[in-house]
Amino acid sequence: MKKEGTIVRYSADELRAMRERGESLTDRDRVRAKTEEELERDIASDPDWKDVPADWYLNAVAVMPVPKKALSLRLDRELVDWFKQQGPGYQTRINAVLRAYVEQAKKQRA
């Protein structure tokens, strides 16, 4: 277990052992016991939810991920370091930036 502020990270082996022991950090009974009003209040007070419009789901589209292609790519060290500093998932973020660039380039050519 590695703790950084309020974030706790577990290895896959630690998580597997916790599941085998029946341990969970989610108090599902407490969540299920909440009223709709309590849930709405909790959502409204969540800072990650503050900019999400109430009708966000009306235009939501499920996007199925496409299989990734493994390749060797040479990138500037500073660029990779910057993405890594943003935390886990840096390769996914690099992919998202490249995808956004391609989508924008396609729109400009149309």
PDB file of N, CA and C in Angstrom:
ATOM      1  N   MET A   1       0.853  -1.174   0.000  1.00  0.00           N
ATOM      2  CA  MET A   1       0.000   0.000   0.000  1.00  0.00           C
ATOM      3  C   MET A   1       0.893   1.229   0.000  1.00  0.00           C
ATOM      4  N   LYS A   2       0.511   2.219  -0.803  1.00  0.00           N
ATOM      5  CA  LYS A   2       1.244   3.470  -0.893  1.00  0.00           C
ATOM      6  C   LYS A   2       0.241   4.601  -0.729  1.00  0.00           C
ATOM      7  N   LYS A   3       0.499   5.496   0.207  1.00  0.00           N
ATOM      8  CA  LYS A   3      -0.441   6.577   0.463  1.00  0.00           C
ATOM      9  C   LYS A   3       0.192   7.914   0.104  1.00  0.00           C
ATOM     10  N   GLU A   4      -0.543   8.694  -0.690  1.00  0.00           N
ATOM     11  CA  GLU A   4      -0.130  10.046  -1.081  1.00  0.00           C
ATOM     12  C   GLU A   4      -1.289  10.969  -0.780  1.00  0.00           C
ATOM     13  N   GLY A   5      -1.227  11.691   0.336  1.00  0.00           N
ATOM     14  CA  GLY A   5      -2.343  12.537   0.727  1.00  0.00           C
ATOM     15  C   GLY A   5      -3.552  11.690   1.030  1.00  0.00           C
ATOM     16  N   THR A   6      -4.645  11.942   0.323  1.00  0.00           N
ATOM     17  CA  THR A   6      -5.863  11.165   0.544  1.00  0.00           C
ATOM     18  C   THR A   6      -5.993   9.993  -0.421  1.00  0.00           C
ATOM     19  N   ILE A   7      -5.003   9.844  -1.306  1.00  0.00           N
ATOM     20  CA  ILE A   7      -5.049   8.771  -2.289  1.00  0.00           C
ATOM     21  C   ILE A   7      -4.229   7.590  -1.784  1.00  0.00           C
ATOM     22  N   VAL A   8      -4.843   6.418  -1.816  1.00  0.00           N
ATOM     23  CA  VAL A   8      -4.178   5.187  -1.404  1.00  0.00           C
ATOM     24  C   VAL A   8      -4.083   4.285  -2.627  1.00  0.00           C
ATOM     25  N   ARG A   9      -2.889   3.794  -2.903  1.00  0.00           N
ATOM     26  CA  ARG A   9      -2.684   2.914  -4.049  1.00  0.00           C
ATOM     27  C   ARG A   9      -2.338   1.518  -3.543  1.00  0.00           C
ATOM     28  N   TYR A  10      -2.948   0.515  -4.163  1.00  0.00           N
ATOM     29  CA  TYR A  10      -2.687  -0.878  -3.837  1.00  0.00           C
ATOM     30  C   TYR A  10      -2.169  -1.582  -5.073  1.00  0.00           C
ATOM     31  N   SER A  11      -1.300  -2.531  -4.878  1.00  0.00           N
ATOM     32  CA  SER A  11      -0.839  -3.350  -6.004  1.00  0.00           C
ATOM     33  C   SER A  11      -1.947  -4.344  -6.349  1.00  0.00           C
ATOM     34  N   ALA A  12      -1.830  -4.958  -7.517  1.00  0.00           N
ATOM     35  CA  ALA A  12      -2.816  -5.956  -7.929  1.00  0.00           C
ATOM     36  C   ALA A  12      -2.838  -7.119  -6.941  1.00  0.00           C
ATOM     37  N   ASP A  13      -1.679  -7.517  -6.452  1.00  0.00           N
ATOM     38  CA  ASP A  13      -1.616  -8.617  -5.480  1.00  0.00           C
ATOM     39  C   ASP A  13      -2.315  -8.234  -4.179  1.00  0.00           C
ATOM     40  N   GLU A  14      -2.114  -6.997  -3.727  1.00  0.00           N
ATOM     41  CA  GLU A  14      -2.773  -6.549  -2.491  1.00  0.00           C
ATOM     42  C   GLU A  14      -4.290  -6.528  -2.662  1.00  0.00           C
ATOM     43  N   LEU A  15      -4.759  -6.045  -3.805  1.00  0.00           N
ATOM     44  CA  LEU A  15      -6.206  -6.010  -4.059  1.00  0.00           C
ATOM     45  C   LEU A  15      -6.790  -7.419  -4.125  1.00  0.00           C
ATOM     46  N   ARG A  16      -6.069  -8.314  -4.777  1.00  0.00           N
ATOM     47  CA  ARG A  16      -6.528  -9.695  -4.872  1.00  0.00           C
ATOM     48  C   ARG A  16      -6.641 -10.315  -3.481  1.00  0.00           C
ATOM     49  N   ALA A  17      -5.646 -10.085  -2.635  1.00  0.00           N
ATOM     50  CA  ALA A  17      -5.667 -10.628  -1.271  1.00  0.00           C
ATOM     51  C   ALA A  17      -6.813 -10.019  -0.460  1.00  0.00           C
ATOM     52  N   MET A  18      -7.073  -8.734  -0.652  1.00  0.00           N
ATOM     53  CA  MET A  18      -8.180  -8.075   0.060  1.00  0.00           C
ATOM     54  C   MET A  18      -9.516  -8.686  -0.354  1.00  0.00           C
ATOM     55  N   ARG A  19      -9.695  -8.919  -1.658  1.00  0.00           N
ATOM     56  CA  ARG A  19     -10.947  -9.527  -2.130  1.00  0.00           C
ATOM     57  C   ARG A  19     -11.117 -10.929  -1.558  1.00  0.00           C
ATOM     58  N   GLU A  20     -10.019 -11.684  -1.532  1.00  0.00           N
ATOM     59  CA  GLU A  20     -10.091 -13.044  -0.992  1.00  0.00           C
ATOM     60  C   GLU A  20     -10.475 -13.041   0.479  1.00  0.00           C
ATOM     61  N   ARG A  21     -10.074 -12.005   1.212  1.00  0.00           N
ATOM     62  CA  ARG A  21     -10.434 -11.892   2.629  1.00  0.00           C
ATOM     63  C   ARG A  21     -11.823 -11.292   2.819  1.00  0.00           C
ATOM     64  N   GLY A  22     -12.459 -10.890   1.709  1.00  0.00           N
ATOM     65  CA  GLY A  22     -13.796 -10.301   1.798  1.00  0.00           C
ATOM     66  C   GLY A  22     -13.774  -8.832   2.183  1.00  0.00           C
ATOM     67  N   GLU A  23     -12.612  -8.203   2.048  1.00  0.00           N
ATOM     68  CA  GLU A  23     -12.492  -6.784   2.410  1.00  0.00           C
ATOM     69  C   GLU A  23     -12.897  -5.900   1.242  1.00  0.00           C
ATOM     70  N   SER A  24     -13.508  -4.775   1.564  1.00  0.00           N
ATOM     71  CA  SER A  24     -13.889  -3.789   0.568  1.00  0.00           C
ATOM     72  C   SER A  24     -13.911  -2.435   1.239  1.00  0.00           C
ATOM     73  N   LEU A  25     -13.471  -1.412   0.528  1.00  0.00           N
ATOM     74  CA  LEU A  25     -13.520  -0.060   1.077  1.00  0.00           C
ATOM     75  C   LEU A  25     -14.852   0.615   0.767  1.00  0.00           C
ATOM     76  N   THR A  26     -15.712  -0.039  -0.003  1.00  0.00           N
ATOM     77  CA  THR A  26     -17.002   0.526  -0.350  1.00  0.00           C
ATOM     78  C   THR A  26     -18.049   0.050   0.655  1.00  0.00           C
ATOM     79  N   ASP A  27     -18.711   1.000   1.280  1.00  0.00           N
ATOM     80  CA  ASP A  27     -19.778   0.673   2.227  1.00  0.00           C
ATOM     81  C   ASP A  27     -21.094   0.695   1.451  1.00  0.00           C
ATOM     82  N   ARG A  28     -21.360  -0.375   0.724  1.00  0.00           N
ATOM     83  CA  ARG A  28     -22.525  -0.430  -0.157  1.00  0.00           C
ATOM     84  C   ARG A  28     -23.844  -0.298   0.612  1.00  0.00           C
ATOM     85  N   ASP A  29     -23.892  -0.868   1.803  1.00  0.00           N
ATOM     86  CA  ASP A  29     -25.125  -0.770   2.583  1.00  0.00           C
ATOM     87  C   ASP A  29     -25.428   0.689   2.930  1.00  0.00           C
ATOM     88  N   ARG A  30     -24.405   1.459   3.266  1.00  0.00           N
ATOM     89  CA  ARG A  30     -24.601   2.871   3.595  1.00  0.00           C
ATOM     90  C   ARG A  30     -25.096   3.634   2.368  1.00  0.00           C
ATOM     91  N   VAL A  31     -24.502   3.345   1.208  1.00  0.00           N
ATOM     92  CA  VAL A  31     -24.907   4.027  -0.023  1.00  0.00           C
ATOM     93  C   VAL A  31     -26.338   3.646  -0.394  1.00  0.00           C
ATOM     94  N   ARG A  32     -26.671   2.368  -0.316  1.00  0.00           N
ATOM     95  CA  ARG A  32     -28.018   1.907  -0.671  1.00  0.00           C
ATOM     96  C   ARG A  32     -29.085   2.474   0.267  1.00  0.00           C
ATOM     97  N   ALA A  33     -28.697   2.799   1.497  1.00  0.00           N
ATOM     98  CA  ALA A  33     -29.657   3.313   2.482  1.00  0.00           C
ATOM     99  C   ALA A  33     -29.963   4.790   2.282  1.00  0.00           C
ATOM    100  N   LYS A  34     -29.223   5.476   1.429  1.00  0.00           N
ATOM    101  CA  LYS A  34     -29.446   6.911   1.228  1.00  0.00           C
ATOM    102  C   LYS A  34     -30.730   7.175   0.455  1.00  0.00           C
ATOM    103  N   THR A  35     -31.359   8.285   0.787  1.00  0.00           N
ATOM    104  CA  THR A  35     -32.553   8.713   0.060  1.00  0.00           C
ATOM    105  C   THR A  35     -32.117   9.405  -1.227  1.00  0.00           C
ATOM    106  N   GLU A  36     -33.058   9.598  -2.139  1.00  0.00           N
ATOM    107  CA  GLU A  36     -32.758  10.323  -3.378  1.00  0.00           C
ATOM    108  C   GLU A  36     -32.243  11.731  -3.069  1.00  0.00           C
ATOM    109  N   GLU A  37     -32.851  12.379  -2.053  1.00  0.00           N
ATOM    110  CA  GLU A  37     -32.439  13.734  -1.681  1.00  0.00           C
ATOM    111  C   GLU A  37     -30.993  13.746  -1.186  1.00  0.00           C
ATOM    112  N   GLU A  38     -30.629  12.737  -0.392  1.00  0.00           N
ATOM    113  CA  GLU A  38     -29.250  12.665   0.103  1.00  0.00           C
ATOM    114  C   GLU A  38     -28.266  12.426  -1.043  1.00  0.00           C
ATOM    115  N   LEU A  39     -28.654  11.565  -1.967  1.00  0.00           N
ATOM    116  CA  LEU A  39     -27.797  11.316  -3.115  1.00  0.00           C
ATOM    117  C   LEU A  39     -27.635  12.583  -3.959  1.00  0.00           C
ATOM    118  N   GLU A  40     -28.727  13.289  -4.221  1.00  0.00           N
ATOM    119  CA  GLU A  40     -28.662  14.529  -5.000  1.00  0.00           C
ATOM    120  C   GLU A  40     -27.768  15.559  -4.310  1.00  0.00           C
ATOM    121  N   ARG A  41     -27.895  15.669  -2.989  1.00  0.00           N
ATOM    122  CA  ARG A  41     -27.072  16.611  -2.226  1.00  0.00           C
ATOM    123  C   ARG A  41     -25.593  16.221  -2.318  1.00  0.00           C
ATOM    124  N   ASP A  42     -25.307  14.925  -2.189  1.00  0.00           N
ATOM    125  CA  ASP A  42     -23.923  14.461  -2.293  1.00  0.00           C
ATOM    126  C   ASP A  42     -23.340  14.767  -3.671  1.00  0.00           C
ATOM    127  N   ILE A  43     -24.140  14.516  -4.699  1.00  0.00           N
ATOM    128  CA  ILE A  43     -23.676  14.796  -6.061  1.00  0.00           C
ATOM    129  C   ILE A  43     -23.433  16.291  -6.235  1.00  0.00           C
ATOM    130  N   ALA A  44     -24.358  17.109  -5.778  1.00  0.00           N
ATOM    131  CA  ALA A  44     -24.231  18.567  -5.933  1.00  0.00           C
ATOM    132  C   ALA A  44     -23.012  19.107  -5.194  1.00  0.00           C
ATOM    133  N   SER A  45     -22.610  18.465  -4.108  1.00  0.00           N
ATOM    134  CA  SER A  45     -21.465  18.971  -3.337  1.00  0.00           C
ATOM    135  C   SER A  45     -20.134  18.396  -3.815  1.00  0.00           C
ATOM    136  N   ASP A  46     -20.170  17.510  -4.798  1.00  0.00           N
ATOM    137  CA  ASP A  46     -18.939  16.917  -5.330  1.00  0.00           C
ATOM    138  C   ASP A  46     -18.263  17.910  -6.266  1.00  0.00           C
ATOM    139  N   PRO A  47     -17.041  18.360  -5.954  1.00  0.00           N
ATOM    140  CA  PRO A  47     -16.376  19.353  -6.811  1.00  0.00           C
ATOM    141  C   PRO A  47     -16.120  18.843  -8.226  1.00  0.00           C
ATOM    142  N   ASP A  48     -15.996  17.539  -8.412  1.00  0.00           N
ATOM    143  CA  ASP A  48     -15.784  16.998  -9.755  1.00  0.00           C
ATOM    144  C   ASP A  48     -17.053  17.036 -10.596  1.00  0.00           C
ATOM    145  N   TRP A  49     -18.181  17.266  -9.993  1.00  0.00           N
ATOM    146  CA  TRP A  49     -19.471  17.249 -10.674  1.00  0.00           C
ATOM    147  C   TRP A  49     -19.967  18.659 -10.968  1.00  0.00           C
ATOM    148  N   LYS A  50     -19.312  19.689 -10.423  1.00  0.00           N
ATOM    149  CA  LYS A  50     -19.851  21.057 -10.454  1.00  0.00           C
ATOM    150  C   LYS A  50     -20.063  21.622 -11.859  1.00  0.00           C
ATOM    151  N   ASP A  51     -19.251  21.253 -12.819  1.00  0.00           N
ATOM    152  CA  ASP A  51     -19.381  21.808 -14.169  1.00  0.00           C
ATOM    153  C   ASP A  51     -20.150  20.895 -15.129  1.00  0.00           C
ATOM    154  N   VAL A  52     -20.687  19.804 -14.621  1.00  0.00           N
ATOM    155  CA  VAL A  52     -21.423  18.874 -15.472  1.00  0.00           C
ATOM    156  C   VAL A  52     -22.874  19.338 -15.561  1.00  0.00           C
ATOM    157  N   PRO A  53     -23.372  19.603 -16.777  1.00  0.00           N
ATOM    158  CA  PRO A  53     -24.763  20.057 -16.912  1.00  0.00           C
ATOM    159  C   PRO A  53     -25.740  18.972 -16.453  1.00  0.00           C
ATOM    160  N   ALA A  54     -26.884  19.406 -15.955  1.00  0.00           N
ATOM    161  CA  ALA A  54     -27.891  18.472 -15.438  1.00  0.00           C
ATOM    162  C   ALA A  54     -28.383  17.512 -16.526  1.00  0.00           C
ATOM    163  N   ASP A  55     -28.387  17.947 -17.768  1.00  0.00           N
ATOM    164  CA  ASP A  55     -28.898  17.106 -18.853  1.00  0.00           C
ATOM    165  C   ASP A  55     -27.770  16.472 -19.677  1.00  0.00           C
ATOM    166  N   TRP A  56     -26.620  16.257 -19.052  1.00  0.00           N
ATOM    167  CA  TRP A  56     -25.450  15.734 -19.764  1.00  0.00           C
ATOM    168  C   TRP A  56     -25.741  14.437 -20.505  1.00  0.00           C
ATOM    169  N   TYR A  57     -26.602  13.636 -19.967  1.00  0.00           N
ATOM    170  CA  TYR A  57     -26.861  12.308 -20.521  1.00  0.00           C
ATOM    171  C   TYR A  57     -27.703  12.358 -21.792  1.00  0.00           C
ATOM    172  N   LEU A  58     -28.379  13.466 -22.061  1.00  0.00           N
ATOM    173  CA  LEU A  58     -29.250  13.530 -23.238  1.00  0.00           C
ATOM    174  C   LEU A  58     -28.462  13.418 -24.544  1.00  0.00           C
ATOM    175  N   ASN A  59     -27.249  13.931 -24.556  1.00  0.00           N
ATOM    176  CA  ASN A  59     -26.424  13.875 -25.763  1.00  0.00           C
ATOM    177  C   ASN A  59     -25.272  12.892 -25.631  1.00  0.00           C
ATOM    178  N   ALA A  60     -25.296  12.080 -24.575  1.00  0.00           N
ATOM    179  CA  ALA A  60     -24.206  11.124 -24.361  1.00  0.00           C
ATOM    180  C   ALA A  60     -24.242  10.037 -25.423  1.00  0.00           C
ATOM    181  N   VAL A  61     -23.081   9.663 -25.887  1.00  0.00           N
ATOM    182  CA  VAL A  61     -22.947   8.619 -26.891  1.00  0.00           C
ATOM    183  C   VAL A  61     -21.933   7.608 -26.374  1.00  0.00           C
ATOM    184  N   ALA A  62     -22.309   6.355 -26.355  1.00  0.00           N
ATOM    185  CA  ALA A  62     -21.375   5.311 -25.946  1.00  0.00           C
ATOM    186  C   ALA A  62     -20.346   5.124 -27.048  1.00  0.00           C
ATOM    187  N   VAL A  63     -19.098   5.176 -26.679  1.00  0.00           N
ATOM    188  CA  VAL A  63     -18.015   5.001 -27.640  1.00  0.00           C
ATOM    189  C   VAL A  63     -17.258   3.739 -27.252  1.00  0.00           C
ATOM    190  N   MET A  64     -17.300   2.783 -28.134  1.00  0.00           N
ATOM    191  CA  MET A  64     -16.604   1.536 -27.871  1.00  0.00           C
ATOM    192  C   MET A  64     -15.128   1.735 -28.184  1.00  0.00           C
ATOM    193  N   PRO A  65     -14.255   1.357 -27.254  1.00  0.00           N
ATOM    194  CA  PRO A  65     -12.822   1.539 -27.507  1.00  0.00           C
ATOM    195  C   PRO A  65     -12.354   0.622 -28.631  1.00  0.00           C
ATOM    196  N   VAL A  66     -11.466   1.132 -29.420  1.00  0.00           N
ATOM    197  CA  VAL A  66     -10.896   0.322 -30.483  1.00  0.00           C
ATOM    198  C   VAL A  66      -9.614  -0.316 -29.955  1.00  0.00           C
ATOM    199  N   PRO A  67      -9.290  -1.500 -30.431  1.00  0.00           N
ATOM    200  CA  PRO A  67      -8.052  -2.129 -29.968  1.00  0.00           C
ATOM    201  C   PRO A  67      -6.850  -1.249 -30.308  1.00  0.00           C
ATOM    202  N   LYS A  68      -5.925  -1.199 -29.396  1.00  0.00           N
ATOM    203  CA  LYS A  68      -4.717  -0.398 -29.605  1.00  0.00           C
ATOM    204  C   LYS A  68      -3.686  -1.227 -30.364  1.00  0.00           C
ATOM    205  N   LYS A  69      -2.820  -0.536 -31.051  1.00  0.00           N
ATOM    206  CA  LYS A  69      -1.746  -1.202 -31.767  1.00  0.00           C
ATOM    207  C   LYS A  69      -0.442  -0.883 -31.037  1.00  0.00           C
ATOM    208  N   ALA A  70       0.254  -1.906 -30.582  1.00  0.00           N
ATOM    209  CA  ALA A  70       1.527  -1.711 -29.898  1.00  0.00           C
ATOM    210  C   ALA A  70       2.587  -1.323 -30.931  1.00  0.00           C
ATOM    211  N   LEU A  71       3.379  -0.310 -30.582  1.00  0.00           N
ATOM    212  CA  LEU A  71       4.463   0.099 -31.465  1.00  0.00           C
ATOM    213  C   LEU A  71       5.546   0.788 -30.648  1.00  0.00           C
ATOM    214  N   SER A  72       6.676   0.905 -31.250  1.00  0.00           N
ATOM    215  CA  SER A  72       7.780   1.623 -30.629  1.00  0.00           C
ATOM    216  C   SER A  72       7.783   3.022 -31.227  1.00  0.00           C
ATOM    217  N   LEU A  73       7.817   4.026 -30.380  1.00  0.00           N
ATOM    218  CA  LEU A  73       7.709   5.409 -30.829  1.00  0.00           C
ATOM    219  C   LEU A  73       8.729   6.247 -30.088  1.00  0.00           C
ATOM    220  N   ARG A  74       9.446   7.057 -30.789  1.00  0.00           N
ATOM    221  CA  ARG A  74      10.432   7.931 -30.149  1.00  0.00           C
ATOM    222  C   ARG A  74       9.813   9.306 -29.954  1.00  0.00           C
ATOM    223  N   LEU A  75       9.777   9.747 -28.701  1.00  0.00           N
ATOM    224  CA  LEU A  75       9.235  11.049 -28.353  1.00  0.00           C
ATOM    225  C   LEU A  75      10.277  11.817 -27.549  1.00  0.00           C
ATOM    226  N   ASP A  76      10.164  13.133 -27.551  1.00  0.00           N
ATOM    227  CA  ASP A  76      11.072  13.946 -26.740  1.00  0.00           C
ATOM    228  C   ASP A  76      10.927  13.562 -25.272  1.00  0.00           C
ATOM    229  N   ARG A  77      12.053  13.446 -24.589  1.00  0.00           N
ATOM    230  CA  ARG A  77      12.056  13.042 -23.184  1.00  0.00           C
ATOM    231  C   ARG A  77      11.207  13.990 -22.338  1.00  0.00           C
ATOM    232  N   GLU A  78      11.296  15.299 -22.581  1.00  0.00           N
ATOM    233  CA  GLU A  78      10.537  16.278 -21.798  1.00  0.00           C
ATOM    234  C   GLU A  78       9.033  16.073 -21.968  1.00  0.00           C
ATOM    235  N   LEU A  79       8.635  15.714 -23.177  1.00  0.00           N
ATOM    236  CA  LEU A  79       7.227  15.477 -23.451  1.00  0.00           C
ATOM    237  C   LEU A  79       6.722  14.271 -22.659  1.00  0.00           C
ATOM    238  N   VAL A  80       7.450  13.164 -22.702  1.00  0.00           N
ATOM    239  CA  VAL A  80       7.052  11.959 -21.977  1.00  0.00           C
ATOM    240  C   VAL A  80       7.060  12.231 -20.475  1.00  0.00           C
ATOM    241  N   ASP A  81       8.092  12.925 -19.997  1.00  0.00           N
ATOM    242  CA  ASP A  81       8.169  13.247 -18.561  1.00  0.00           C
ATOM    243  C   ASP A  81       6.957  14.054 -18.123  1.00  0.00           C
ATOM    244  N   TRP A  82       6.546  15.015 -18.952  1.00  0.00           N
ATOM    245  CA  TRP A  82       5.401  15.857 -18.590  1.00  0.00           C
ATOM    246  C   TRP A  82       4.133  15.003 -18.467  1.00  0.00           C
ATOM    247  N   PHE A  83       3.906  14.141 -19.431  1.00  0.00           N
ATOM    248  CA  PHE A  83       2.720  13.282 -19.370  1.00  0.00           C
ATOM    249  C   PHE A  83       2.781  12.344 -18.168  1.00  0.00           C
ATOM    250  N   LYS A  84       3.957  11.792 -17.880  1.00  0.00           N
ATOM    251  CA  LYS A  84       4.099  10.901 -16.724  1.00  0.00           C
ATOM    252  C   LYS A  84       3.834  11.640 -15.416  1.00  0.00           C
ATOM    253  N   GLN A  85       4.227  12.909 -15.338  1.00  0.00           N
ATOM    254  CA  GLN A  85       4.007  13.699 -14.122  1.00  0.00           C
ATOM    255  C   GLN A  85       2.526  13.908 -13.837  1.00  0.00           C
ATOM    256  N   GLN A  86       1.686  13.741 -14.850  1.00  0.00           N
ATOM    257  CA  GLN A  86       0.249  13.920 -14.659  1.00  0.00           C
ATOM    258  C   GLN A  86      -0.377  12.723 -13.959  1.00  0.00           C
ATOM    259  N   GLY A  87       0.398  11.645 -13.793  1.00  0.00           N
ATOM    260  CA  GLY A  87      -0.094  10.465 -13.078  1.00  0.00           C
ATOM    261  C   GLY A  87      -0.300   9.278 -13.990  1.00  0.00           C
ATOM    262  N   PRO A  88      -0.825   8.200 -13.411  1.00  0.00           N
ATOM    263  CA  PRO A  88      -1.045   6.977 -14.189  1.00  0.00           C
ATOM    264  C   PRO A  88      -1.945   7.239 -15.391  1.00  0.00           C
ATOM    265  N   GLY A  89      -1.724   6.476 -16.441  1.00  0.00           N
ATOM    266  CA  GLY A  89      -2.530   6.621 -17.649  1.00  0.00           C
ATOM    267  C   GLY A  89      -1.913   7.573 -18.658  1.00  0.00           C
ATOM    268  N   TYR A  90      -0.612   7.828 -18.522  1.00  0.00           N
ATOM    269  CA  TYR A  90       0.003   8.811 -19.412  1.00  0.00           C
ATOM    270  C   TYR A  90      -0.059   8.385 -20.883  1.00  0.00           C
ATOM    271  N   GLN A  91       0.044   7.084 -21.163  1.00  0.00           N
ATOM    272  CA  GLN A  91      -0.034   6.645 -22.554  1.00  0.00           C
ATOM    273  C   GLN A  91      -1.428   6.878 -23.117  1.00  0.00           C
ATOM    274  N   THR A  92      -2.437   6.680 -22.302  1.00  0.00           N
ATOM    275  CA  THR A  92      -3.815   6.934 -22.720  1.00  0.00           C
ATOM    276  C   THR A  92      -4.000   8.419 -23.007  1.00  0.00           C
ATOM    277  N   ARG A  93      -3.414   9.282 -22.170  1.00  0.00           N
ATOM    278  CA  ARG A  93      -3.524  10.730 -22.411  1.00  0.00           C
ATOM    279  C   ARG A  93      -2.798  11.135 -23.687  1.00  0.00           C
ATOM    280  N   ILE A  94      -1.626  10.565 -23.929  1.00  0.00           N
ATOM    281  CA  ILE A  94      -0.917  10.866 -25.176  1.00  0.00           C
ATOM    282  C   ILE A  94      -1.791  10.451 -26.361  1.00  0.00           C
ATOM    283  N   ASN A  95      -2.413   9.268 -26.274  1.00  0.00           N
ATOM    284  CA  ASN A  95      -3.312   8.802 -27.330  1.00  0.00           C
ATOM    285  C   ASN A  95      -4.463   9.789 -27.529  1.00  0.00           C
ATOM    286  N   ALA A  96      -5.034  10.280 -26.418  1.00  0.00           N
ATOM    287  CA  ALA A  96      -6.171  11.210 -26.512  1.00  0.00           C
ATOM    288  C   ALA A  96      -5.757  12.519 -27.173  1.00  0.00           C
ATOM    289  N   VAL A  97      -4.569  13.007 -26.848  1.00  0.00           N
ATOM    290  CA  VAL A  97      -4.084  14.250 -27.468  1.00  0.00           C
ATOM    291  C   VAL A  97      -3.884  14.047 -28.966  1.00  0.00           C
ATOM    292  N   LEU A  98      -3.274  12.943 -29.338  1.00  0.00           N
ATOM    293  CA  LEU A  98      -3.073  12.664 -30.761  1.00  0.00           C
ATOM    294  C   LEU A  98      -4.403  12.493 -31.484  1.00  0.00           C
ATOM    295  N   ARG A  99      -5.352  11.806 -30.849  1.00  0.00           N
ATOM    296  CA  ARG A  99      -6.678  11.628 -31.452  1.00  0.00           C
ATOM    297  C   ARG A  99      -7.359  12.984 -31.656  1.00  0.00           C
ATOM    298  N   ALA A 100      -7.302  13.859 -30.646  1.00  0.00           N
ATOM    299  CA  ALA A 100      -7.914  15.186 -30.760  1.00  0.00           C
ATOM    300  C   ALA A 100      -7.284  15.970 -31.914  1.00  0.00           C
ATOM    301  N   TYR A 101      -5.978  15.856 -32.069  1.00  0.00           N
ATOM    302  CA  TYR A 101      -5.286  16.535 -33.166  1.00  0.00           C
ATOM    303  C   TYR A 101      -5.787  16.010 -34.517  1.00  0.00           C
ATOM    304  N   VAL A 102      -5.868  14.693 -34.645  1.00  0.00           N
ATOM    305  CA  VAL A 102      -6.313  14.090 -35.900  1.00  0.00           C
ATOM    306  C   VAL A 102      -7.752  14.500 -36.219  1.00  0.00           C
ATOM    307  N   GLU A 103      -8.638  14.446 -35.210  1.00  0.00           N
ATOM    308  CA  GLU A 103     -10.046  14.819 -35.433  1.00  0.00           C
ATOM    309  C   GLU A 103     -10.144  16.280 -35.887  1.00  0.00           C
ATOM    310  N   GLN A 104      -9.370  17.159 -35.270  1.00  0.00           N
ATOM    311  CA  GLN A 104      -9.385  18.569 -35.652  1.00  0.00           C
ATOM    312  C   GLN A 104      -8.849  18.744 -37.067  1.00  0.00           C
ATOM    313  N   ALA A 105      -7.782  18.028 -37.415  1.00  0.00           N
ATOM    314  CA  ALA A 105      -7.214  18.115 -38.755  1.00  0.00           C
ATOM    315  C   ALA A 105      -8.232  17.631 -39.803  1.00  0.00           C
ATOM    316  N   LYS A 106      -8.983  16.578 -39.469  1.00  0.00           N
ATOM    317  CA  LYS A 106     -10.004  16.082 -40.388  1.00  0.00           C
ATOM    318  C   LYS A 106     -11.084  17.128 -40.629  1.00  0.00           C
ATOM    319  N   LYS A 107     -11.488  17.833 -39.571  1.00  0.00           N
ATOM    320  CA  LYS A 107     -12.524  18.869 -39.707  1.00  0.00           C
ATOM    321  C   LYS A 107     -12.024  20.013 -40.579  1.00  0.00           C
ATOM    322  N   GLN A 108     -10.763  20.373 -40.433  1.00  0.00           N
ATOM    323  CA  GLN A 108     -10.216  21.484 -41.209  1.00  0.00           C
ATOM    324  C   GLN A 108     -10.109  21.134 -42.684  1.00  0.00           C
ATOM    325  N   ARG A 109      -9.917  19.858 -42.986  1.00  0.00           N
ATOM    326  CA  ARG A 109      -9.787  19.433 -44.378  1.00  0.00           C
ATOM    327  C   ARG A 109     -11.140  19.259 -45.054  1.00  0.00           C
ATOM    328  N   ALA A 110     -12.182  19.110 -44.268  1.00  0.00           N
ATOM    329  CA  ALA A 110     -13.509  18.863 -44.844  1.00  0.00           C
ATOM    330  C   ALA A 110     -14.131  20.122 -45.398  1.00  0.00           C
TER     331      ALA A 110
END
